[in-house]
Amino acid sequence: GRVKTQGFFQDILGRHGIAPAASWSVGNS
């Protein structure tokens, strides 16, 4: 994506039926 925003994350979670509370983000920013 151009910018990793809340909406960018939300789109990935929604499209793939990902459970947020059981999932992780790993990064240096």
PDB file of all heavy atoms in Angstrom:
ATOM      1  N   GLY A   1       0.836  -1.196   0.000  1.00  0.00           N
ATOM      2  CA  GLY A   1       0.000   0.000   0.000  1.00  0.00           C
ATOM      3  C   GLY A   1       0.867   1.240   0.000  1.00  0.00           C
ATOM      4  O   GLY A   1       2.051   1.186   0.333  1.00  0.00           O
ATOM      5  N   ARG A   2       0.291   2.355  -0.372  1.00  0.00           N
ATOM      6  CA  ARG A   2       1.056   3.603  -0.317  1.00  0.00           C
ATOM      7  C   ARG A   2       1.425   3.935   1.123  1.00  0.00           C
ATOM      8  O   ARG A   2       2.553   4.331   1.406  1.00  0.00           O
ATOM      9  CB  ARG A   2       0.251   4.746  -0.937  1.00  0.00           C
ATOM     10  CG  ARG A   2       0.246   4.736  -2.453  1.00  0.00           C
ATOM     11  CD  ARG A   2      -0.161   6.093  -2.979  1.00  0.00           C
ATOM     12  NE  ARG A   2       0.155   6.208  -4.391  1.00  0.00           N
ATOM     13  CZ  ARG A   2       0.164   7.357  -5.060  1.00  0.00           C
ATOM     14  NH1 ARG A   2      -0.128   8.485  -4.431  1.00  0.00           N
ATOM     15  NH2 ARG A   2       0.474   7.394  -6.334  1.00  0.00           N
ATOM     16  N   VAL A   3       0.453   3.762   2.029  1.00  0.00           N
ATOM     17  CA  VAL A   3       0.685   4.038   3.446  1.00  0.00           C
ATOM     18  C   VAL A   3      -0.013   2.955   4.258  1.00  0.00           C
ATOM     19  O   VAL A   3      -1.169   2.605   3.974  1.00  0.00           O
ATOM     20  CB  VAL A   3       0.136   5.418   3.863  1.00  0.00           C
ATOM     21  CG1 VAL A   3       0.473   5.694   5.327  1.00  0.00           C
ATOM     22  CG2 VAL A   3       0.687   6.522   2.977  1.00  0.00           C
ATOM     23  N   LYS A   4       0.667   2.429   5.264  1.00  0.00           N
ATOM     24  CA  LYS A   4       0.065   1.425   6.139  1.00  0.00           C
ATOM     25  C   LYS A   4      -0.717   2.147   7.242  1.00  0.00           C
ATOM     26  O   LYS A   4      -0.155   2.558   8.253  1.00  0.00           O
ATOM     27  CB  LYS A   4       1.145   0.512   6.718  1.00  0.00           C
ATOM     28  CG  LYS A   4       1.778  -0.391   5.685  1.00  0.00           C
ATOM     29  CD  LYS A   4       2.691  -1.423   6.300  1.00  0.00           C
ATOM     30  CE  LYS A   4       3.978  -0.814   6.803  1.00  0.00           C
ATOM     31  NZ  LYS A   4       4.930  -1.838   7.283  1.00  0.00           N
ATOM     32  N   THR A   5      -2.001   2.296   7.012  1.00  0.00           N
ATOM     33  CA  THR A   5      -2.888   2.993   7.930  1.00  0.00           C
ATOM     34  C   THR A   5      -3.747   1.991   8.686  1.00  0.00           C
ATOM     35  O   THR A   5      -3.706   0.781   8.423  1.00  0.00           O
ATOM     36  CB  THR A   5      -3.802   3.937   7.151  1.00  0.00           C
ATOM     37  OG1 THR A   5      -4.604   3.139   6.244  1.00  0.00           O
ATOM     38  CG2 THR A   5      -3.011   4.955   6.346  1.00  0.00           C
ATOM     39  N   GLN A   6      -4.564   2.499   9.585  1.00  0.00           N
ATOM     40  CA  GLN A   6      -5.533   1.645  10.271  1.00  0.00           C
ATOM     41  C   GLN A   6      -6.442   0.963   9.260  1.00  0.00           C
ATOM     42  O   GLN A   6      -6.737  -0.225   9.364  1.00  0.00           O
ATOM     43  CB  GLN A   6      -6.356   2.472  11.255  1.00  0.00           C
ATOM     44  CG  GLN A   6      -7.393   1.651  12.022  1.00  0.00           C
ATOM     45  CD  GLN A   6      -8.235   2.508  12.968  1.00  0.00           C
ATOM     46  OE1 GLN A   6      -8.051   3.726  13.048  1.00  0.00           O
ATOM     47  NE2 GLN A   6      -9.158   1.891  13.675  1.00  0.00           N
ATOM     48  N   GLY A   7      -6.873   1.716   8.255  1.00  0.00           N
ATOM     49  CA  GLY A   7      -7.744   1.153   7.229  1.00  0.00           C
ATOM     50  C   GLY A   7      -7.063   0.093   6.392  1.00  0.00           C
ATOM     51  O   GLY A   7      -7.699  -0.889   5.975  1.00  0.00           O
ATOM     52  N   PHE A   8      -5.773   0.264   6.128  1.00  0.00           N
ATOM     53  CA  PHE A   8      -5.012  -0.725   5.366  1.00  0.00           C
ATOM     54  C   PHE A   8      -4.998  -2.057   6.109  1.00  0.00           C
ATOM     55  O   PHE A   8      -5.235  -3.129   5.522  1.00  0.00           O
ATOM     56  CB  PHE A   8      -3.590  -0.207   5.155  1.00  0.00           C
ATOM     57  CG  PHE A   8      -2.671  -1.139   4.414  1.00  0.00           C
ATOM     58  CD1 PHE A   8      -2.775  -1.296   3.041  1.00  0.00           C
ATOM     59  CD2 PHE A   8      -1.679  -1.839   5.087  1.00  0.00           C
ATOM     60  CE1 PHE A   8      -1.919  -2.143   2.351  1.00  0.00           C
ATOM     61  CE2 PHE A   8      -0.819  -2.679   4.414  1.00  0.00           C
ATOM     62  CZ  PHE A   8      -0.936  -2.837   3.043  1.00  0.00           C
ATOM     63  N   PHE A   9      -4.718  -1.997   7.408  1.00  0.00           N
ATOM     64  CA  PHE A   9      -4.743  -3.208   8.235  1.00  0.00           C
ATOM     65  C   PHE A   9      -6.161  -3.797   8.276  1.00  0.00           C
ATOM     66  O   PHE A   9      -6.348  -5.010   8.164  1.00  0.00           O
ATOM     67  CB  PHE A   9      -4.277  -2.881   9.656  1.00  0.00           C
ATOM     68  CG  PHE A   9      -2.789  -2.892   9.850  1.00  0.00           C
ATOM     69  CD1 PHE A   9      -1.987  -1.937   9.230  1.00  0.00           C
ATOM     70  CD2 PHE A   9      -2.175  -3.841  10.648  1.00  0.00           C
ATOM     71  CE1 PHE A   9      -0.616  -1.926   9.412  1.00  0.00           C
ATOM     72  CE2 PHE A   9      -0.802  -3.846  10.842  1.00  0.00           C
ATOM     73  CZ  PHE A   9      -0.007  -2.881  10.213  1.00  0.00           C
ATOM     74  N   GLN A  10      -7.122  -2.936   8.479  1.00  0.00           N
ATOM     75  CA  GLN A  10      -8.509  -3.381   8.605  1.00  0.00           C
ATOM     76  C   GLN A  10      -8.964  -4.128   7.363  1.00  0.00           C
ATOM     77  O   GLN A  10      -9.681  -5.135   7.450  1.00  0.00           O
ATOM     78  CB  GLN A  10      -9.409  -2.172   8.862  1.00  0.00           C
ATOM     79  CG  GLN A  10     -10.830  -2.509   9.263  1.00  0.00           C
ATOM     80  CD  GLN A  10     -11.602  -1.254   9.638  1.00  0.00           C
ATOM     81  OE1 GLN A  10     -11.601  -0.251   8.916  1.00  0.00           O
ATOM     82  NE2 GLN A  10     -12.250  -1.286  10.789  1.00  0.00           N
ATOM     83  N   ASP A  11      -8.549  -3.649   6.206  1.00  0.00           N
ATOM     84  CA  ASP A  11      -8.915  -4.305   4.947  1.00  0.00           C
ATOM     85  C   ASP A  11      -8.354  -5.717   4.875  1.00  0.00           C
ATOM     86  O   ASP A  11      -9.063  -6.660   4.475  1.00  0.00           O
ATOM     87  CB  ASP A  11      -8.404  -3.469   3.769  1.00  0.00           C
ATOM     88  CG  ASP A  11      -8.670  -4.136   2.439  1.00  0.00           C
ATOM     89  OD1 ASP A  11      -9.853  -4.226   2.050  1.00  0.00           O
ATOM     90  OD2 ASP A  11      -7.702  -4.598   1.790  1.00  0.00           O
ATOM     91  N   ILE A  12      -7.099  -5.890   5.269  1.00  0.00           N
ATOM     92  CA  ILE A  12      -6.483  -7.218   5.242  1.00  0.00           C
ATOM     93  C   ILE A  12      -7.199  -8.153   6.208  1.00  0.00           C
ATOM     94  O   ILE A  12      -7.528  -9.302   5.868  1.00  0.00           O
ATOM     95  CB  ILE A  12      -4.990  -7.121   5.602  1.00  0.00           C
ATOM     96  CG1 ILE A  12      -4.248  -6.281   4.557  1.00  0.00           C
ATOM     97  CG2 ILE A  12      -4.360  -8.515   5.709  1.00  0.00           C
ATOM     98  CD1 ILE A  12      -2.829  -5.922   4.959  1.00  0.00           C
ATOM     99  N   LEU A  13      -7.457  -7.678   7.412  1.00  0.00           N
ATOM    100  CA  LEU A  13      -8.145  -8.502   8.413  1.00  0.00           C
ATOM    101  C   LEU A  13      -9.525  -8.921   7.923  1.00  0.00           C
ATOM    102  O   LEU A  13      -9.927 -10.093   8.059  1.00  0.00           O
ATOM    103  CB  LEU A  13      -8.266  -7.730   9.726  1.00  0.00           C
ATOM    104  CG  LEU A  13      -6.966  -7.323  10.432  1.00  0.00           C
ATOM    105  CD1 LEU A  13      -7.272  -6.447  11.641  1.00  0.00           C
ATOM    106  CD2 LEU A  13      -6.165  -8.545  10.853  1.00  0.00           C
ATOM    107  N   GLY A  14     -10.256  -7.975   7.353  1.00  0.00           N
ATOM    108  CA  GLY A  14     -11.617  -8.261   6.907  1.00  0.00           C
ATOM    109  C   GLY A  14     -11.668  -9.205   5.728  1.00  0.00           C
ATOM    110  O   GLY A  14     -12.500 -10.133   5.694  1.00  0.00           O
ATOM    111  N   ARG A  15     -10.816  -8.997   4.749  1.00  0.00           N
ATOM    112  CA  ARG A  15     -10.834  -9.822   3.536  1.00  0.00           C
ATOM    113  C   ARG A  15     -10.495 -11.272   3.822  1.00  0.00           C
ATOM    114  O   ARG A  15     -10.959 -12.176   3.123  1.00  0.00           O
ATOM    115  CB  ARG A  15      -9.867  -9.257   2.488  1.00  0.00           C
ATOM    116  CG  ARG A  15     -10.368  -8.029   1.772  1.00  0.00           C
ATOM    117  CD  ARG A  15      -9.508  -7.655   0.591  1.00  0.00           C
ATOM    118  NE  ARG A  15      -8.156  -7.250   0.952  1.00  0.00           N
ATOM    119  CZ  ARG A  15      -7.078  -7.995   0.766  1.00  0.00           C
ATOM    120  NH1 ARG A  15      -7.180  -9.209   0.237  1.00  0.00           N
ATOM    121  NH2 ARG A  15      -5.873  -7.548   1.124  1.00  0.00           N
ATOM    122  N   HIS A  16      -9.684 -11.508   4.837  1.00  0.00           N
ATOM    123  CA  HIS A  16      -9.215 -12.869   5.117  1.00  0.00           C
ATOM    124  C   HIS A  16      -9.836 -13.468   6.378  1.00  0.00           C
ATOM    125  O   HIS A  16      -9.454 -14.564   6.787  1.00  0.00           O
ATOM    126  CB  HIS A  16      -7.698 -12.879   5.223  1.00  0.00           C
ATOM    127  CG  HIS A  16      -7.008 -12.522   3.942  1.00  0.00           C
ATOM    128  ND1 HIS A  16      -6.871 -13.406   2.898  1.00  0.00           N
ATOM    129  CD2 HIS A  16      -6.448 -11.355   3.519  1.00  0.00           C
ATOM    130  CE1 HIS A  16      -6.233 -12.811   1.896  1.00  0.00           C
ATOM    131  NE2 HIS A  16      -5.971 -11.566   2.250  1.00  0.00           N
ATOM    132  N   GLY A  17     -10.796 -12.776   6.966  1.00  0.00           N
ATOM    133  CA  GLY A  17     -11.451 -13.310   8.151  1.00  0.00           C
ATOM    134  C   GLY A  17     -10.490 -13.553   9.293  1.00  0.00           C
ATOM    135  O   GLY A  17     -10.571 -14.561  10.011  1.00  0.00           O
ATOM    136  N   ILE A  18      -9.555 -12.626   9.494  1.00  0.00           N
ATOM    137  CA  ILE A  18      -8.517 -12.777  10.520  1.00  0.00           C
ATOM    138  C   ILE A  18      -9.022 -12.247  11.855  1.00  0.00           C
ATOM    139  O   ILE A  18      -9.614 -11.175  11.927  1.00  0.00           O
ATOM    140  CB  ILE A  18      -7.244 -12.014  10.102  1.00  0.00           C
ATOM    141  CG1 ILE A  18      -6.671 -12.620   8.814  1.00  0.00           C
ATOM    142  CG2 ILE A  18      -6.206 -12.033  11.214  1.00  0.00           C
ATOM    143  CD1 ILE A  18      -5.562 -11.797   8.189  1.00  0.00           C
ATOM    144  N   ALA A  19      -8.803 -13.020  12.901  1.00  0.00           N
ATOM    145  CA  ALA A  19      -9.187 -12.621  14.253  1.00  0.00           C
ATOM    146  C   ALA A  19      -8.118 -11.687  14.822  1.00  0.00           C
ATOM    147  O   ALA A  19      -6.999 -12.132  15.106  1.00  0.00           O
ATOM    148  CB  ALA A  19      -9.345 -13.848  15.143  1.00  0.00           C
ATOM    149  N   PRO A  20      -8.420 -10.413  15.013  1.00  0.00           N
ATOM    150  CA  PRO A  20      -7.396  -9.460  15.463  1.00  0.00           C
ATOM    151  C   PRO A  20      -6.748  -9.841  16.788  1.00  0.00           C
ATOM    152  O   PRO A  20      -5.518  -9.770  16.930  1.00  0.00           O
ATOM    153  CB  PRO A  20      -8.161  -8.141  15.576  1.00  0.00           C
ATOM    154  CG  PRO A  20      -9.315  -8.283  14.636  1.00  0.00           C
ATOM    155  CD  PRO A  20      -9.696  -9.730  14.724  1.00  0.00           C
ATOM    156  N   ALA A  21      -7.554 -10.246  17.779  1.00  0.00           N
ATOM    157  CA  ALA A  21      -7.027 -10.510  19.115  1.00  0.00           C
ATOM    158  C   ALA A  21      -6.094 -11.712  19.149  1.00  0.00           C
ATOM    159  O   ALA A  21      -5.292 -11.856  20.079  1.00  0.00           O
ATOM    160  CB  ALA A  21      -8.173 -10.720  20.091  1.00  0.00           C
ATOM    161  N   ALA A  22      -6.176 -12.563  18.127  1.00  0.00           N
ATOM    162  CA  ALA A  22      -5.327 -13.749  18.070  1.00  0.00           C
ATOM    163  C   ALA A  22      -4.194 -13.579  17.066  1.00  0.00           C
ATOM    164  O   ALA A  22      -3.468 -14.533  16.787  1.00  0.00           O
ATOM    165  CB  ALA A  22      -6.159 -14.976  17.698  1.00  0.00           C
ATOM    166  N   SER A  23      -4.039 -12.364  16.548  1.00  0.00           N
ATOM    167  CA  SER A  23      -3.070 -12.131  15.486  1.00  0.00           C
ATOM    168  C   SER A  23      -2.067 -11.045  15.869  1.00  0.00           C
ATOM    169  O   SER A  23      -2.263 -10.309  16.837  1.00  0.00           O
ATOM    170  CB  SER A  23      -3.802 -11.751  14.198  1.00  0.00           C
ATOM    171  OG  SER A  23      -4.655 -12.806  13.782  1.00  0.00           O
ATOM    172  N   TRP A  24      -0.997 -10.943  15.051  1.00  0.00           N
ATOM    173  CA  TRP A  24       0.137 -10.093  15.396  1.00  0.00           C
ATOM    174  C   TRP A  24       0.594  -9.252  14.222  1.00  0.00           C
ATOM    175  O   TRP A  24       0.477  -9.665  13.071  1.00  0.00           O
ATOM    176  CB  TRP A  24       1.319 -10.961  15.841  1.00  0.00           C
ATOM    177  CG  TRP A  24       1.077 -11.718  17.111  1.00  0.00           C
ATOM    178  CD1 TRP A  24       0.335 -12.855  17.269  1.00  0.00           C
ATOM    179  CD2 TRP A  24       1.569 -11.377  18.409  1.00  0.00           C
ATOM    180  NE1 TRP A  24       0.346 -13.244  18.590  1.00  0.00           N
ATOM    181  CE2 TRP A  24       1.096 -12.361  19.311  1.00  0.00           C
ATOM    182  CE3 TRP A  24       2.384 -10.365  18.889  1.00  0.00           C
ATOM    183  CZ2 TRP A  24       1.411 -12.333  20.665  1.00  0.00           C
ATOM    184  CZ3 TRP A  24       2.697 -10.332  20.244  1.00  0.00           C
ATOM    185  CH2 TRP A  24       2.201 -11.325  21.117  1.00  0.00           C
ATOM    186  N   SER A  25       1.146  -8.105  14.564  1.00  0.00           N
ATOM    187  CA  SER A  25       1.885  -7.294  13.600  1.00  0.00           C
ATOM    188  C   SER A  25       3.306  -7.162  14.114  1.00  0.00           C
ATOM    189  O   SER A  25       3.516  -6.871  15.296  1.00  0.00           O
ATOM    190  CB  SER A  25       1.249  -5.906  13.456  1.00  0.00           C
ATOM    191  OG  SER A  25       2.077  -5.054  12.671  1.00  0.00           O
ATOM    192  N   VAL A  26       4.285  -7.377  13.222  1.00  0.00           N
ATOM    193  CA  VAL A  26       5.689  -7.284  13.597  1.00  0.00           C
ATOM    194  C   VAL A  26       6.377  -6.307  12.646  1.00  0.00           C
ATOM    195  O   VAL A  26       6.335  -6.498  11.422  1.00  0.00           O
ATOM    196  CB  VAL A  26       6.398  -8.655  13.512  1.00  0.00           C
ATOM    197  CG1 VAL A  26       7.871  -8.516  13.873  1.00  0.00           C
ATOM    198  CG2 VAL A  26       5.708  -9.669  14.416  1.00  0.00           C
ATOM    199  N   GLY A  27       6.991  -5.261  13.192  1.00  0.00           N
ATOM    200  CA  GLY A  27       7.684  -4.315  12.335  1.00  0.00           C
ATOM    201  C   GLY A  27       8.485  -3.299  13.127  1.00  0.00           C
ATOM    202  O   GLY A  27       8.325  -3.172  14.345  1.00  0.00           O
ATOM    203  N   ASN A  28       9.319  -2.554  12.428  1.00  0.00           N
ATOM    204  CA  ASN A  28      10.228  -1.614  13.092  1.00  0.00           C
ATOM    205  C   ASN A  28       9.646  -0.217  13.233  1.00  0.00           C
ATOM    206  O   ASN A  28      10.299   0.664  13.792  1.00  0.00           O
ATOM    207  CB  ASN A  28      11.548  -1.523  12.316  1.00  0.00           C
ATOM    208  CG  ASN A  28      11.388  -0.792  10.998  1.00  0.00           C
ATOM    209  OD1 ASN A  28      10.550  -1.152  10.173  1.00  0.00           O
ATOM    210  ND2 ASN A  28      12.186   0.234  10.783  1.00  0.00           N
ATOM    211  N   SER A  29       8.440   0.019  12.728  1.00  0.00           N
ATOM    212  CA  SER A  29       7.860   1.361  12.746  1.00  0.00           C
ATOM    213  C   SER A  29       6.706   1.462  13.735  1.00  0.00           C
ATOM    214  O   SER A  29       5.700   0.765  13.605  1.00  0.00           O
ATOM    215  CB  SER A  29       7.352   1.725  11.349  1.00  0.00           C
ATOM    216  OG  SER A  29       6.664   2.952  11.373  1.00  0.00           O
TER     217      SER A  29
END
